[in-house]
N, C-alpha and C. Protein backbone atom coordinates (compact mmCIF):
# COMPACT_ATOMS: atom_id res chain seq x y z
N UNK A 1 34.81 90.87 -51.16
CA UNK A 1 34.56 89.60 -50.46
C UNK A 1 34.72 89.49 -48.87
N UNK A 2 36.16 90.09 -48.47
CA UNK A 2 36.52 90.29 -47.48
C UNK A 2 35.44 90.22 -46.20
N UNK A 3 34.36 91.71 -46.26
CA UNK A 3 33.34 92.00 -46.00
C UNK A 3 32.37 90.74 -45.53
N UNK A 4 32.11 90.07 -46.52
CA UNK A 4 31.44 88.63 -46.05
C UNK A 4 32.37 87.33 -44.95
N UNK A 5 33.49 87.36 -45.25
CA UNK A 5 34.29 87.06 -44.34
C UNK A 5 33.91 87.34 -43.09
N UNK A 6 33.93 88.80 -42.88
CA UNK A 6 33.82 89.43 -41.52
C UNK A 6 32.47 88.74 -40.86
N UNK A 7 31.13 89.09 -41.86
CA UNK A 7 30.26 88.81 -41.26
C UNK A 7 29.75 87.19 -41.01
N UNK A 8 30.79 86.67 -41.63
CA UNK A 8 29.90 85.37 -41.80
C UNK A 8 30.59 84.44 -40.20
N UNK A 9 31.84 85.05 -40.32
CA UNK A 9 32.46 84.44 -38.98
C UNK A 9 31.59 84.85 -37.57
N UNK A 10 30.89 86.32 -37.33
CA UNK A 10 30.13 86.66 -36.83
C UNK A 10 29.05 86.46 -36.32
N UNK A 11 28.46 86.44 -37.72
CA UNK A 11 27.03 85.22 -37.62
C UNK A 11 27.22 84.01 -36.99
N UNK A 12 28.32 83.42 -37.72
CA UNK A 12 28.22 82.09 -37.43
C UNK A 12 28.64 81.95 -35.76
N UNK A 13 28.88 82.84 -35.08
CA UNK A 13 29.33 82.83 -33.76
C UNK A 13 28.13 83.06 -32.90
N UNK A 14 27.52 84.21 -33.93
CA UNK A 14 26.58 84.90 -32.72
C UNK A 14 25.05 83.90 -33.16
N UNK A 15 24.58 82.94 -34.05
CA UNK A 15 24.05 81.78 -34.38
C UNK A 15 24.53 80.46 -33.36
N UNK A 16 26.14 80.35 -32.60
CA UNK A 16 26.33 79.40 -32.26
C UNK A 16 26.42 79.64 -30.62
N UNK A 17 26.27 81.14 -30.66
CA UNK A 17 26.46 82.00 -29.40
C UNK A 17 24.55 81.29 -28.87
N UNK A 18 23.74 81.99 -29.80
CA UNK A 18 21.90 81.88 -30.08
C UNK A 18 22.09 80.22 -29.52
N UNK A 19 22.79 79.61 -30.53
CA UNK A 19 22.30 78.06 -29.86
C UNK A 19 22.56 77.61 -28.96
N UNK A 20 23.52 78.08 -28.08
CA UNK A 20 23.93 77.45 -26.29
C UNK A 20 23.17 78.31 -25.71
N UNK A 21 22.77 79.89 -26.09
CA UNK A 21 21.58 80.10 -24.88
C UNK A 21 20.28 79.81 -24.96
N UNK A 22 19.81 78.77 -26.21
CA UNK A 22 18.54 78.26 -26.21
C UNK A 22 19.01 76.72 -25.77
N UNK A 23 20.04 76.29 -25.66
CA UNK A 23 20.10 75.25 -25.18
C UNK A 23 20.42 75.44 -23.14
N UNK A 24 20.82 76.45 -23.00
CA UNK A 24 20.66 76.76 -21.53
C UNK A 24 19.49 77.15 -21.46
N UNK A 25 18.41 77.88 -21.85
CA UNK A 25 17.14 78.24 -21.35
C UNK A 25 16.47 76.71 -21.95
N UNK A 26 16.39 75.95 -22.39
CA UNK A 26 16.30 74.72 -22.07
C UNK A 26 16.15 73.48 -21.02
N UNK A 27 17.67 73.97 -20.73
CA UNK A 27 17.88 73.06 -19.60
C UNK A 27 17.92 73.97 -18.13
N UNK A 28 17.50 74.65 -18.05
CA UNK A 28 17.13 75.64 -17.16
C UNK A 28 15.64 75.46 -17.10
N UNK A 29 14.94 75.29 -17.93
CA UNK A 29 13.18 75.42 -18.00
C UNK A 29 13.03 73.76 -17.55
N UNK A 30 13.91 73.00 -18.12
CA UNK A 30 13.91 71.38 -17.39
C UNK A 30 14.06 71.23 -15.83
N UNK A 31 15.51 72.26 -15.43
CA UNK A 31 15.48 71.71 -14.13
C UNK A 31 14.25 72.67 -13.31
N UNK A 32 13.52 73.80 -14.07
CA UNK A 32 12.56 74.12 -13.21
C UNK A 32 11.47 72.89 -13.23
N UNK A 33 11.36 73.12 -14.14
CA UNK A 33 9.91 71.70 -13.98
C UNK A 33 9.94 70.90 -13.28
N UNK A 34 11.29 69.66 -13.10
CA UNK A 34 11.90 68.87 -12.08
C UNK A 34 11.83 69.51 -11.01
N UNK A 35 11.83 70.77 -10.58
CA UNK A 35 11.78 71.46 -9.13
C UNK A 35 10.38 71.49 -8.82
N UNK A 36 10.04 72.11 -9.91
CA UNK A 36 8.40 72.46 -9.60
C UNK A 36 7.94 71.07 -9.35
N UNK A 37 8.05 69.75 -10.15
CA UNK A 37 7.39 68.67 -9.51
C UNK A 37 8.02 68.07 -8.23
N UNK A 38 9.16 67.81 -8.16
CA UNK A 38 9.59 67.76 -6.94
C UNK A 38 8.53 68.79 -5.20
N UNK A 39 8.25 69.99 -5.49
CA UNK A 39 7.35 70.51 -4.53
C UNK A 39 6.33 70.31 -4.52
N UNK A 40 5.68 69.52 -6.47
CA UNK A 40 4.32 69.47 -6.04
C UNK A 40 4.26 68.06 -5.23
N UNK A 41 5.30 67.57 -5.61
CA UNK A 41 4.92 65.93 -4.72
C UNK A 41 5.35 65.64 -3.23
N UNK A 42 5.99 67.13 -2.86
CA UNK A 42 6.56 66.83 -1.34
C UNK A 42 5.45 67.77 -0.58
N UNK A 43 4.39 68.77 -1.46
CA UNK A 43 3.24 69.21 -0.90
C UNK A 43 2.24 68.34 -0.67
N UNK A 44 1.96 67.19 -1.80
CA UNK A 44 1.20 66.18 -1.45
C UNK A 44 1.99 64.71 -0.70
N UNK A 45 3.07 64.88 -0.63
CA UNK A 45 2.92 63.99 0.60
C UNK A 45 2.78 64.69 1.88
N UNK A 46 3.26 65.85 1.95
CA UNK A 46 3.11 66.45 3.51
C UNK A 46 1.51 66.49 3.40
N UNK A 47 0.66 66.66 2.87
CA UNK A 47 -0.93 66.68 2.69
C UNK A 47 -1.57 65.18 3.62
N UNK A 48 -0.78 64.28 2.68
CA UNK A 48 -1.14 62.91 2.82
C UNK A 48 -0.49 62.65 4.77
N UNK A 49 0.42 63.40 5.43
CA UNK A 49 1.49 63.22 6.25
C UNK A 49 -0.48 63.70 7.51
N UNK A 50 -0.27 64.99 6.76
CA UNK A 50 -1.35 65.40 7.78
C UNK A 50 -2.90 65.12 7.90
N UNK A 51 -3.11 64.23 6.85
CA UNK A 51 -4.50 63.83 6.82
C UNK A 51 -4.59 62.25 7.92
N UNK A 52 -3.29 61.96 7.42
CA UNK A 52 -3.07 60.13 8.42
C UNK A 52 -2.87 61.13 9.84
N UNK A 53 -2.10 61.77 10.18
CA UNK A 53 -1.70 62.16 11.64
C UNK A 53 -3.59 62.25 12.16
N UNK A 54 -4.33 63.15 11.53
CA UNK A 54 -5.62 63.82 11.67
C UNK A 54 -6.32 62.24 12.09
N UNK A 55 -6.30 61.50 11.21
CA UNK A 55 -6.86 59.86 11.19
C UNK A 55 -6.66 59.59 12.21
N UNK A 56 -5.38 59.33 12.57
CA UNK A 56 -4.60 58.98 13.77
C UNK A 56 -5.04 59.34 15.05
N UNK A 57 -5.10 60.40 15.01
CA UNK A 57 -5.83 61.11 16.86
C UNK A 57 -6.97 61.31 16.71
N UNK A 58 -7.85 61.44 15.70
CA UNK A 58 -9.11 60.55 16.09
C UNK A 58 -9.61 59.34 16.50
N UNK A 59 -8.86 58.41 16.09
CA UNK A 59 -9.01 57.20 16.14
C UNK A 59 -8.13 56.53 17.90
N UNK A 60 -7.55 57.72 18.12
CA UNK A 60 -6.82 57.45 19.16
C UNK A 60 -8.02 58.21 20.57
N UNK A 61 -8.09 59.31 19.96
CA UNK A 61 -9.73 59.61 21.00
C UNK A 61 -10.84 58.68 21.08
N UNK A 62 -10.95 58.07 19.84
CA UNK A 62 -12.09 57.22 19.72
C UNK A 62 -12.39 55.68 20.96
N UNK A 63 -10.52 55.71 21.03
CA UNK A 63 -10.22 54.14 21.72
C UNK A 63 -10.13 55.01 23.37
N UNK A 64 -9.90 55.78 23.37
CA UNK A 64 -10.31 56.55 24.65
C UNK A 64 -11.63 56.55 25.29
N UNK A 65 -12.29 57.16 24.45
CA UNK A 65 -14.01 57.03 24.67
C UNK A 65 -14.36 55.84 25.15
N UNK A 66 -14.05 55.28 24.06
CA UNK A 66 -14.69 53.36 24.43
C UNK A 66 -14.06 53.01 25.66
N UNK A 67 -12.97 53.10 25.88
CA UNK A 67 -12.57 52.69 27.31
C UNK A 67 -13.02 53.05 28.28
N UNK A 68 -13.35 54.27 28.28
CA UNK A 68 -14.03 55.44 29.43
C UNK A 68 -15.57 54.86 29.64
N UNK A 69 -16.01 54.43 28.71
CA UNK A 69 -17.64 54.27 28.73
C UNK A 69 -17.68 52.64 29.09
N UNK A 70 -16.61 51.91 28.36
CA UNK A 70 -16.31 50.46 28.95
C UNK A 70 -16.57 50.48 30.67
N UNK A 71 -15.45 51.36 31.27
CA UNK A 71 -15.30 52.06 32.45
C UNK A 71 -16.69 52.01 33.40
N UNK A 72 -17.92 53.14 32.62
CA UNK A 72 -18.78 53.73 33.02
C UNK A 72 -20.19 52.77 32.94
N UNK A 73 -19.80 51.38 32.68
CA UNK A 73 -21.29 50.52 31.97
C UNK A 73 -21.16 50.19 33.21
N UNK A 74 -20.72 49.55 34.20
CA UNK A 74 -20.93 48.63 35.36
C UNK A 74 -22.13 49.60 35.96
N UNK A 75 -21.14 51.02 36.32
CA UNK A 75 -21.65 52.53 36.81
C UNK A 75 -23.47 52.04 36.56
N UNK A 76 -23.55 52.39 34.89
CA UNK A 76 -25.06 52.24 34.67
C UNK A 76 -25.75 50.78 35.37
N UNK A 77 -25.49 49.77 34.81
CA UNK A 77 -26.24 48.72 35.71
C UNK A 77 -26.26 49.21 36.96
N UNK A 78 -25.20 49.52 37.65
CA UNK A 78 -25.60 49.56 38.97
C UNK A 78 -26.99 51.00 39.64
N UNK A 79 -27.18 51.62 38.88
CA UNK A 79 -27.52 53.05 38.43
C UNK A 79 -29.09 51.97 38.42
N UNK A 80 -29.08 51.29 37.46
CA UNK A 80 -30.57 50.90 37.19
C UNK A 80 -31.10 50.09 38.07
N UNK A 81 -30.10 49.23 38.67
CA UNK A 81 -30.21 48.28 39.91
C UNK A 81 -31.06 49.18 41.11
N UNK A 82 -30.46 50.46 41.33
CA UNK A 82 -30.41 50.91 42.66
C UNK A 82 -32.22 51.54 42.42
N UNK A 83 -32.43 52.06 40.72
CA UNK A 83 -34.23 52.38 40.73
C UNK A 83 -34.93 51.25 40.98
N UNK A 84 -34.54 49.96 40.35
CA UNK A 84 -35.41 49.24 40.48
C UNK A 84 -36.17 49.18 41.96
N UNK A 85 -34.24 48.95 43.18
CA UNK A 85 -34.65 48.95 44.14
C UNK A 85 -35.56 49.90 45.48
N UNK A 86 -35.23 51.05 44.48
CA UNK A 86 -36.11 52.70 44.51
C UNK A 86 -37.67 52.44 44.57
N UNK A 87 -37.98 51.73 43.70
CA UNK A 87 -39.49 51.20 42.99
C UNK A 87 -39.75 50.30 44.20
N UNK A 88 -39.29 49.54 44.26
CA UNK A 88 -39.66 48.49 45.66
C UNK A 88 -39.91 48.84 47.44
N UNK A 89 -39.09 50.32 47.28
CA UNK A 89 -39.24 50.69 48.36
C UNK A 89 -37.74 50.30 49.34
N UNK A 90 -37.27 49.86 49.04
CA UNK A 90 -36.48 48.87 49.92
C UNK A 90 -34.99 49.82 50.12
N UNK A 91 -35.32 50.83 51.48
CA UNK A 91 -34.28 51.93 51.48
C UNK A 91 -33.21 51.27 51.53
N UNK A 92 -33.13 50.65 52.26
CA UNK A 92 -31.79 49.91 52.90
C UNK A 92 -31.17 49.62 51.37
N UNK A 93 -31.90 49.12 51.26
CA UNK A 93 -30.63 48.33 49.21
C UNK A 93 -30.51 49.68 49.17
N UNK A 94 -31.68 50.58 48.85
CA UNK A 94 -31.41 51.91 47.66
C UNK A 94 -29.99 52.21 48.38
N UNK A 95 -29.81 52.99 49.41
CA UNK A 95 -28.89 53.42 50.32
C UNK A 95 -27.02 52.94 49.70
N UNK A 96 -27.69 51.50 49.82
CA UNK A 96 -26.35 50.60 49.40
C UNK A 96 -26.37 50.25 47.89
N UNK A 97 -27.27 50.46 47.07
CA UNK A 97 -26.85 50.52 45.70
C UNK A 97 -26.20 52.00 45.22
N UNK A 98 -26.63 52.87 46.12
CA UNK A 98 -25.92 54.01 45.52
C UNK A 98 -24.54 54.39 46.13
N UNK A 99 -24.73 53.64 47.19
CA UNK A 99 -23.20 53.72 47.86
C UNK A 99 -22.24 53.00 46.63
N UNK A 100 -22.62 51.62 46.38
CA UNK A 100 -21.88 50.85 45.36
C UNK A 100 -21.61 52.11 43.86
N UNK A 101 -22.85 52.51 43.50
CA UNK A 101 -22.50 53.03 42.32
C UNK A 101 -21.67 54.89 42.58
N UNK A 102 -21.36 55.14 44.04
CA UNK A 102 -20.56 56.14 43.63
C UNK A 102 -19.07 55.31 44.24
N UNK A 103 -19.02 54.59 44.18
CA UNK A 103 -17.77 53.29 44.69
C UNK A 103 -17.09 53.07 43.27
N UNK A 104 -17.95 52.55 42.79
CA UNK A 104 -17.15 52.48 41.84
C UNK A 104 -17.66 53.13 40.14
N UNK A 105 -17.86 54.89 40.41
CA UNK A 105 -17.53 55.79 39.47
C UNK A 105 -16.50 56.39 40.15
N UNK A 106 -16.39 56.11 41.37
CA UNK A 106 -14.82 57.12 41.74
C UNK A 106 -13.84 56.44 41.51
N UNK A 107 -14.28 54.61 41.10
CA UNK A 107 -13.06 53.64 41.61
C UNK A 107 -12.55 54.26 39.58
N UNK A 108 -13.30 54.04 38.95
CA UNK A 108 -13.09 54.11 37.22
C UNK A 108 -12.83 55.79 36.97
N UNK A 109 -12.91 56.57 37.69
CA UNK A 109 -12.43 58.00 37.32
C UNK A 109 -11.02 57.79 37.99
N UNK A 110 -10.64 57.57 39.08
CA UNK A 110 -8.78 56.97 39.50
C UNK A 110 -8.75 56.51 38.61
N UNK A 111 -8.93 55.33 37.83
CA UNK A 111 -8.20 54.86 37.51
C UNK A 111 -7.96 55.61 35.82
N UNK A 112 -8.48 56.84 35.24
CA UNK A 112 -8.44 57.58 34.23
C UNK A 112 -7.44 58.64 35.29
N UNK A 113 -7.08 58.59 36.63
CA UNK A 113 -6.33 59.73 36.49
C UNK A 113 -6.72 60.62 37.40
N UNK A 114 -8.30 60.76 37.62
CA UNK A 114 -8.73 61.92 38.29
C UNK A 114 -8.45 61.88 39.61
N UNK A 115 -7.92 63.04 40.21
CA UNK A 115 -7.46 62.90 41.90
C UNK A 115 -8.46 63.71 42.93
N UNK A 116 -8.63 63.85 43.53
CA UNK A 116 -9.64 65.36 44.97
C UNK A 116 -8.77 65.68 44.83
N UNK A 117 -9.08 66.82 44.93
CA UNK A 117 -8.10 68.21 45.02
C UNK A 117 -8.25 68.47 47.14
N UNK A 118 -6.73 67.99 47.97
CA UNK A 118 -6.57 68.77 48.60
C UNK A 118 -7.66 70.03 49.42
N UNK A 119 -8.01 69.64 50.21
CA UNK A 119 -8.49 71.03 50.86
C UNK A 119 -8.36 71.38 52.79
N UNK A 120 -7.17 70.37 52.79
CA UNK A 120 -6.95 70.41 54.56
C UNK A 120 -5.45 71.84 54.31
N UNK A 121 -5.71 72.70 55.02
CA UNK A 121 -4.45 73.68 55.11
C UNK A 121 -5.21 74.68 54.37
N UNK A 122 -4.16 75.47 54.19
CA UNK A 122 -3.69 76.31 53.67
C UNK A 122 -4.59 77.04 51.97
N UNK A 123 -5.48 78.16 51.74
CA UNK A 123 -6.17 78.20 50.20
C UNK A 123 -5.23 78.45 49.48
N UNK A 124 -5.08 78.00 48.65
CA UNK A 124 -4.09 78.33 47.21
C UNK A 124 -5.09 78.39 46.03
N UNK A 125 -4.74 79.80 45.77
CA UNK A 125 -5.61 80.34 44.45
C UNK A 125 -5.44 79.58 43.27
N UNK A 126 -4.37 78.46 43.01
CA UNK A 126 -4.38 77.91 41.46
C UNK A 126 -5.63 76.71 41.85
N UNK A 127 -5.80 76.09 42.93
CA UNK A 127 -6.12 74.85 43.05
C UNK A 127 -7.21 74.99 43.66
N UNK A 128 -7.72 76.20 44.05
CA UNK A 128 -9.18 76.66 45.60
C UNK A 128 -9.89 77.82 44.77
N UNK A 129 -11.01 78.21 44.96
CA UNK A 129 -11.97 79.06 44.03
C UNK A 129 -12.11 79.31 45.49
N UNK A 130 -12.53 80.80 46.04
CA UNK A 130 -12.94 81.32 47.54
C UNK A 130 -14.14 81.75 47.20
N UNK A 131 -15.69 80.90 47.86
CA UNK A 131 -16.58 81.74 47.44
C UNK A 131 -16.96 82.60 48.06
N UNK A 132 -16.49 82.78 49.61
CA UNK A 132 -16.58 83.63 50.69
C UNK A 132 -15.47 83.43 51.65
N UNK A 133 -15.43 84.37 52.24
CA UNK A 133 -14.68 84.61 53.65
C UNK A 133 -15.47 85.04 55.27
N UNK A 134 -14.83 84.54 56.32
CA UNK A 134 -15.49 84.77 57.32
C UNK A 134 -14.46 84.60 58.13
N UNK A 135 -15.15 85.51 59.20
CA UNK A 135 -14.22 85.59 60.53
C UNK A 135 -14.35 84.43 61.32
N UNK A 136 -12.71 84.11 62.07
CA UNK A 136 -12.99 82.81 62.90
C UNK A 136 -11.78 82.46 63.30
N UNK A 137 -11.39 81.49 64.84
CA UNK A 137 -10.98 81.70 64.73
C UNK A 137 -9.42 81.05 64.68
N UNK A 138 -9.77 80.37 63.31
CA UNK A 138 -8.43 79.82 62.25
C UNK A 138 -7.44 80.94 62.20
N UNK A 139 -6.50 80.57 61.54
CA UNK A 139 -5.57 81.84 60.95
C UNK A 139 -6.20 82.26 59.70
N UNK A 140 -5.79 82.87 59.04
CA UNK A 140 -6.30 84.02 58.09
C UNK A 140 -5.66 82.91 56.67
N UNK A 141 -6.40 82.73 56.04
CA UNK A 141 -6.31 81.93 54.69
C UNK A 141 -6.86 80.45 55.24
N UNK A 142 -6.80 80.10 56.25
CA UNK A 142 -7.43 78.61 56.23
C UNK A 142 -8.94 78.18 55.77
N UNK A 143 -8.52 76.78 55.20
CA UNK A 143 -10.01 76.68 54.48
C UNK A 143 -10.71 76.00 56.08
N UNK A 144 -11.91 76.47 55.85
CA UNK A 144 -13.15 76.42 56.87
C UNK A 144 -14.25 75.28 56.01
N UNK A 145 -14.39 75.60 55.07
CA UNK A 145 -15.36 74.47 55.06
C UNK A 145 -15.48 74.18 53.31
N UNK A 146 -15.74 73.02 52.85
CA UNK A 146 -15.89 72.90 50.97
C UNK A 146 -17.39 73.05 50.63
N UNK A 147 -17.52 73.54 49.65
CA UNK A 147 -18.47 73.69 49.53
C UNK A 147 -18.95 72.71 48.32
N UNK A 148 -17.99 72.60 47.54
CA UNK A 148 -17.57 71.64 46.31
C UNK A 148 -16.43 71.13 46.30
N UNK A 149 -16.41 69.92 46.18
CA UNK A 149 -15.51 69.20 45.85
C UNK A 149 -14.55 69.66 44.30
N UNK A 150 -12.66 69.86 44.38
CA UNK A 150 -12.37 70.06 43.35
C UNK A 150 -11.33 68.63 43.00
N UNK A 151 -11.21 68.69 41.76
CA UNK A 151 -10.51 67.63 41.10
C UNK A 151 -9.62 68.02 39.89
N UNK A 152 -8.53 67.57 39.89
CA UNK A 152 -7.01 67.47 38.63
C UNK A 152 -7.11 66.21 37.94
N UNK A 153 -7.02 66.46 36.70
CA UNK A 153 -6.57 65.15 35.64
C UNK A 153 -5.21 65.15 35.82
N UNK A 154 -4.12 64.62 36.33
CA UNK A 154 -2.88 64.68 35.94
C UNK A 154 -2.71 65.84 36.51
N UNK A 155 -1.71 66.82 35.96
CA UNK A 155 -0.96 68.20 36.42
C UNK A 155 -2.42 69.54 35.82
N UNK A 156 -3.46 69.00 35.58
CA UNK A 156 -4.01 69.92 34.74
C UNK A 156 -5.63 70.20 36.07
N UNK A 157 -6.14 70.97 36.29
CA UNK A 157 -7.24 71.48 37.46
C UNK A 157 -8.43 70.80 36.57
N UNK A 158 -9.02 70.21 36.86
CA UNK A 158 -10.67 70.14 35.83
C UNK A 158 -11.87 71.03 36.40
N UNK A 159 -11.59 71.00 38.05
CA UNK A 159 -12.58 71.54 38.23
C UNK A 159 -11.75 72.14 39.69
N UNK A 160 -11.92 73.39 40.20
CA UNK A 160 -11.13 73.95 41.33
C UNK A 160 -11.97 73.72 42.99
N UNK A 161 -11.08 73.59 43.77
CA UNK A 161 -12.69 73.17 45.06
C UNK A 161 -13.22 74.40 45.24
N UNK A 162 -14.39 74.52 45.37
CA UNK A 162 -14.79 76.04 46.25
C UNK A 162 -15.08 75.98 47.92
N UNK A 163 -14.27 76.92 48.05
CA UNK A 163 -14.08 76.52 49.88
C UNK A 163 -14.48 77.96 50.67
N UNK A 164 -14.94 78.17 51.67
CA UNK A 164 -14.99 79.55 52.53
C UNK A 164 -13.57 79.43 53.08
N UNK A 165 -13.44 80.15 53.12
CA UNK A 165 -11.72 81.10 54.11
C UNK A 165 -11.66 82.02 54.94
N UNK A 166 -10.83 81.09 55.76
CA UNK A 166 -10.92 82.24 57.11
C UNK A 166 -10.23 83.40 56.59
N UNK A 167 -10.75 84.27 57.35
CA UNK A 167 -10.04 85.82 57.22
C UNK A 167 -9.27 86.02 58.68
N UNK A 168 -8.77 85.47 59.67
CA UNK A 168 -8.98 85.64 60.65
C UNK A 168 -9.57 86.22 61.96
N UNK A 169 -9.37 86.35 62.97
CA UNK A 169 -9.91 86.49 64.57
C UNK A 169 -10.46 88.03 63.81
N UNK A 170 -12.19 87.74 64.67
CA UNK A 170 -12.74 89.31 64.22
C UNK A 170 -12.27 90.54 65.32
N UNK A 171 -11.34 90.27 65.85
CA UNK A 171 -10.56 91.36 66.78
C UNK A 171 -9.79 91.91 65.37
């Protein structure tokens, strides 16, 4: 009987220990499942946020396009009037119409932040593109002629000014 008494409490302790381990495993599995659910929720929230941000960005771009197109519609109207005047061979009205269209288009683009790049003075490789150089009485690096105007929108150069640059006197 003595041997039963020693194995009895050991078995009871082992069984109790086993139950505690099973409870601990069950608790850890519940915690794991809760953390996985939380992670899935966070991933879904982030995916929804990403989609919403993309939609908002697309809507913003669409509104910007709409505003620019509204600004350009009067230019299209004036061009149509100039074409009608050209059909009637009224050169004075045609020239006046083209000047009006040019002014309205320039004003509409200025409202959007378009600025012409200065071409007075020295060549600046950040905003000018030298198409060729030629000897002249001007100092080396001076802009002699503008082949194509350049423009910037805000701080960004949209198109550099294409220029002819002096390489100094021929001597």
